[in-house]
């Protein structure tokens, strides 16, 4: 039997992807930084993992944007 090698980069990407999706389900989103805009009242952007429209509540704290905004 030959040993099976695991590509560590693929393993890290897979585990990060699962954690990111779990964070989105829990409401903890992460913006795609290059697309964050100031709308005159708050920073708005799109979550890099799930594509949801999000707003910045505080430093490093992003949540789903309320509907109608």
Protein backbone atom coordinates (compact mmCIF):
# COMPACT_ATOMS: atom_id res chain seq x y z
CA UNK A 1 0.00 0.00 0.00
CA UNK A 2 1.27 3.44 -0.86
CA UNK A 3 0.73 6.27 1.64
CA UNK A 4 -1.94 8.81 0.81
CA UNK A 5 -0.76 12.41 0.93
CA UNK A 6 -3.06 15.27 1.77
CA UNK A 7 -2.54 18.66 0.17
CA UNK A 8 -2.46 20.98 3.20
CA UNK A 9 -3.54 24.03 1.16
CA UNK A 10 -6.69 22.24 -0.01
CA UNK A 11 -7.42 21.04 3.51
CA UNK A 12 -7.04 24.56 4.95
CA UNK A 13 -9.26 26.03 2.23
CA UNK A 14 -11.95 23.42 2.84
CA UNK A 15 -11.99 23.92 6.61
CA UNK A 16 -11.95 27.72 6.21
CA UNK A 17 -14.82 27.51 3.76
CA UNK A 18 -16.90 25.47 6.22
CA UNK A 19 -16.13 27.89 9.07
CA UNK A 20 -16.97 30.87 6.88
CA UNK A 21 -20.32 29.40 5.90
CA UNK A 22 -21.09 28.64 9.54
CA UNK A 23 -20.23 32.23 10.49
CA UNK A 24 -22.62 33.52 7.80
CA UNK A 25 -25.38 31.27 9.08
CA UNK A 26 -24.80 32.72 12.57
CA UNK A 27 -24.93 36.25 11.13
CA UNK A 28 -21.22 37.09 11.38
CA UNK A 29 -20.36 38.27 7.89
CA UNK A 30 -17.06 39.47 6.41
CA UNK A 31 -17.05 42.14 3.68
CA UNK A 32 -15.29 42.04 0.36
CA UNK A 33 -13.08 44.99 1.33
CA UNK A 34 -12.55 46.45 -2.13
CA UNK A 35 -16.31 46.88 -2.60
CA UNK A 36 -17.13 48.56 0.75
CA UNK A 37 -18.69 52.00 0.29
CA UNK A 38 -19.71 54.83 2.61
CA UNK A 39 -23.32 55.86 1.90
CA UNK A 40 -23.23 59.02 4.03
CA UNK A 41 -24.57 57.23 7.08
CA UNK A 42 -22.78 53.87 7.33
CA UNK A 43 -20.42 51.54 5.52
CA UNK A 44 -22.14 49.04 3.22
CA UNK A 45 -20.78 46.07 1.34
CA UNK A 46 -21.28 42.49 0.26
CA UNK A 47 -20.28 39.45 2.29
CA UNK A 48 -17.29 37.74 0.69
CA UNK A 49 -18.60 34.28 1.58
CA UNK A 50 -22.36 34.33 0.96
CA UNK A 51 -22.99 37.47 -1.13
CA UNK A 52 -25.48 39.01 1.33
CA UNK A 53 -25.70 42.81 1.50
CA UNK A 54 -24.18 43.84 4.85
CA UNK A 55 -23.63 46.99 6.93
CA UNK A 56 -20.92 47.81 9.44
CA UNK A 57 -22.24 48.04 13.00
CA UNK A 58 -18.87 48.67 14.68
CA UNK A 59 -15.21 48.10 13.92
CA UNK A 60 -14.87 44.53 12.55
CA UNK A 61 -18.58 43.89 13.16
CA UNK A 62 -20.72 43.41 10.06
CA UNK A 63 -24.34 42.29 9.95
CA UNK A 64 -26.98 41.65 7.31
CA UNK A 65 -28.47 44.91 6.04
CA UNK A 66 -32.06 45.53 7.11
CA UNK A 67 -34.49 45.08 4.22
CA UNK A 68 -35.65 48.26 2.57
CA UNK A 69 -32.35 50.08 3.05
